[in-house]
Amino acid sequence: KLGSLGHRNATRCGIWLAEMLKTREQHKEAANVLLHISNQ
């Protein structure tokens, strides 16, 4: 039981990490777009 619980937590942590990286990439893209617009 304890092993399966740890596995589920690891999966959730992995999903959370993936979401964090995804939003960070989106923020980077948004910043690049804003820079591009302000430079014009």
N, C-alpha and C. Protein backbone atom coordinates (compact mmCIF):
# COMPACT_ATOMS: atom_id res chain seq x y z
N LYS A 1 0.84 -1.20 0.00
CA LYS A 1 0.00 0.00 0.00
C LYS A 1 0.88 1.26 0.00
N LEU A 2 1.91 1.23 0.85
CA LEU A 2 2.77 2.41 0.94
C LEU A 2 3.48 2.67 -0.39
N GLY A 3 3.88 1.58 -1.06
CA GLY A 3 4.59 1.74 -2.33
C GLY A 3 3.72 2.39 -3.39
N SER A 4 2.44 1.95 -3.47
CA SER A 4 1.55 2.51 -4.49
C SER A 4 1.27 3.98 -4.20
N LEU A 5 1.18 4.31 -2.91
CA LEU A 5 0.94 5.71 -2.55
C LEU A 5 2.11 6.58 -2.99
N GLY A 6 3.33 6.08 -2.76
CA GLY A 6 4.51 6.83 -3.18
C GLY A 6 4.55 7.00 -4.68
N HIS A 7 4.14 5.96 -5.40
CA HIS A 7 4.14 6.02 -6.87
C HIS A 7 3.14 7.07 -7.34
N ARG A 8 1.98 7.11 -6.69
CA ARG A 8 0.95 8.08 -7.08
C ARG A 8 1.45 9.51 -6.81
N ASN A 9 2.11 9.69 -5.68
CA ASN A 9 2.65 11.01 -5.36
C ASN A 9 3.71 11.42 -6.37
N ALA A 10 4.55 10.47 -6.77
CA ALA A 10 5.60 10.77 -7.75
C ALA A 10 4.98 11.16 -9.08
N THR A 11 3.90 10.47 -9.46
CA THR A 11 3.23 10.80 -10.72
C THR A 11 2.65 12.20 -10.65
N ARG A 12 2.00 12.52 -9.53
CA ARG A 12 1.41 13.85 -9.38
C ARG A 12 2.50 14.92 -9.42
N CYS A 13 3.62 14.63 -8.76
CA CYS A 13 4.74 15.58 -8.75
C CYS A 13 5.26 15.77 -10.17
N GLY A 14 5.34 14.68 -10.94
CA GLY A 14 5.81 14.78 -12.32
C GLY A 14 4.88 15.62 -13.16
N ILE A 15 3.57 15.42 -12.97
CA ILE A 15 2.59 16.21 -13.72
C ILE A 15 2.72 17.68 -13.34
N TRP A 16 2.89 17.95 -12.03
CA TRP A 16 3.03 19.32 -11.56
C TRP A 16 4.28 19.98 -12.17
N LEU A 17 5.37 19.21 -12.19
CA LEU A 17 6.61 19.73 -12.78
C LEU A 17 6.41 20.05 -14.26
N ALA A 18 5.71 19.15 -14.97
CA ALA A 18 5.46 19.37 -16.39
C ALA A 18 4.63 20.64 -16.59
N GLU A 19 3.63 20.83 -15.73
CA GLU A 19 2.79 22.03 -15.84
C GLU A 19 3.63 23.29 -15.58
N MET A 20 4.50 23.23 -14.57
CA MET A 20 5.35 24.38 -14.26
C MET A 20 6.22 24.73 -15.45
N LEU A 21 6.84 23.72 -16.06
CA LEU A 21 7.71 23.96 -17.21
C LEU A 21 6.91 24.52 -18.37
N LYS A 22 5.69 24.00 -18.56
CA LYS A 22 4.85 24.46 -19.66
C LYS A 22 4.52 25.94 -19.49
N THR A 23 4.10 26.34 -18.28
CA THR A 23 3.74 27.73 -18.06
C THR A 23 4.96 28.63 -18.18
N ARG A 24 6.14 28.12 -17.76
CA ARG A 24 7.35 28.92 -17.86
C ARG A 24 7.69 29.18 -19.33
N GLU A 25 7.51 28.15 -20.17
CA GLU A 25 7.75 28.31 -21.61
C GLU A 25 6.77 29.33 -22.19
N GLN A 26 5.51 29.28 -21.76
CA GLN A 26 4.50 30.21 -22.25
C GLN A 26 4.84 31.63 -21.83
N HIS A 27 5.32 31.80 -20.59
CA HIS A 27 5.70 33.12 -20.12
C HIS A 27 6.86 33.67 -20.96
N LYS A 28 7.82 32.78 -21.29
CA LYS A 28 8.96 33.19 -22.10
C LYS A 28 8.48 33.66 -23.47
N GLU A 29 7.57 32.89 -24.07
CA GLU A 29 7.05 33.25 -25.39
C GLU A 29 6.30 34.57 -25.31
N ALA A 30 5.49 34.75 -24.27
CA ALA A 30 4.73 35.99 -24.12
C ALA A 30 5.68 37.18 -23.97
N ALA A 31 6.76 37.00 -23.20
CA ALA A 31 7.74 38.07 -23.02
C ALA A 31 8.39 38.42 -24.35
N ASN A 32 8.72 37.41 -25.15
CA ASN A 32 9.33 37.66 -26.46
C ASN A 32 8.38 38.43 -27.36
N VAL A 33 7.10 38.07 -27.32
CA VAL A 33 6.10 38.76 -28.14
C VAL A 33 5.98 40.21 -27.70
N LEU A 34 5.94 40.43 -26.38
CA LEU A 34 5.83 41.80 -25.87
C LEU A 34 7.04 42.62 -26.27
N LEU A 35 8.24 42.04 -26.17
CA LEU A 35 9.45 42.74 -26.58
C LEU A 35 9.38 43.09 -28.06
N HIS A 36 8.93 42.15 -28.86
CA HIS A 36 8.84 42.35 -30.31
C HIS A 36 7.87 43.50 -30.61
N ILE A 37 6.73 43.53 -29.91
CA ILE A 37 5.73 44.58 -30.15
C ILE A 37 6.28 45.94 -29.71
N SER A 38 6.93 45.99 -28.55
CA SER A 38 7.42 47.27 -28.04
C SER A 38 8.59 47.80 -28.87
N ASN A 39 9.29 46.91 -29.59
CA ASN A 39 10.41 47.35 -30.42
C ASN A 39 9.95 47.96 -31.73
N GLN A 40 8.72 47.66 -32.12
CA GLN A 40 8.24 48.18 -33.40
C GLN A 40 7.79 49.62 -33.29
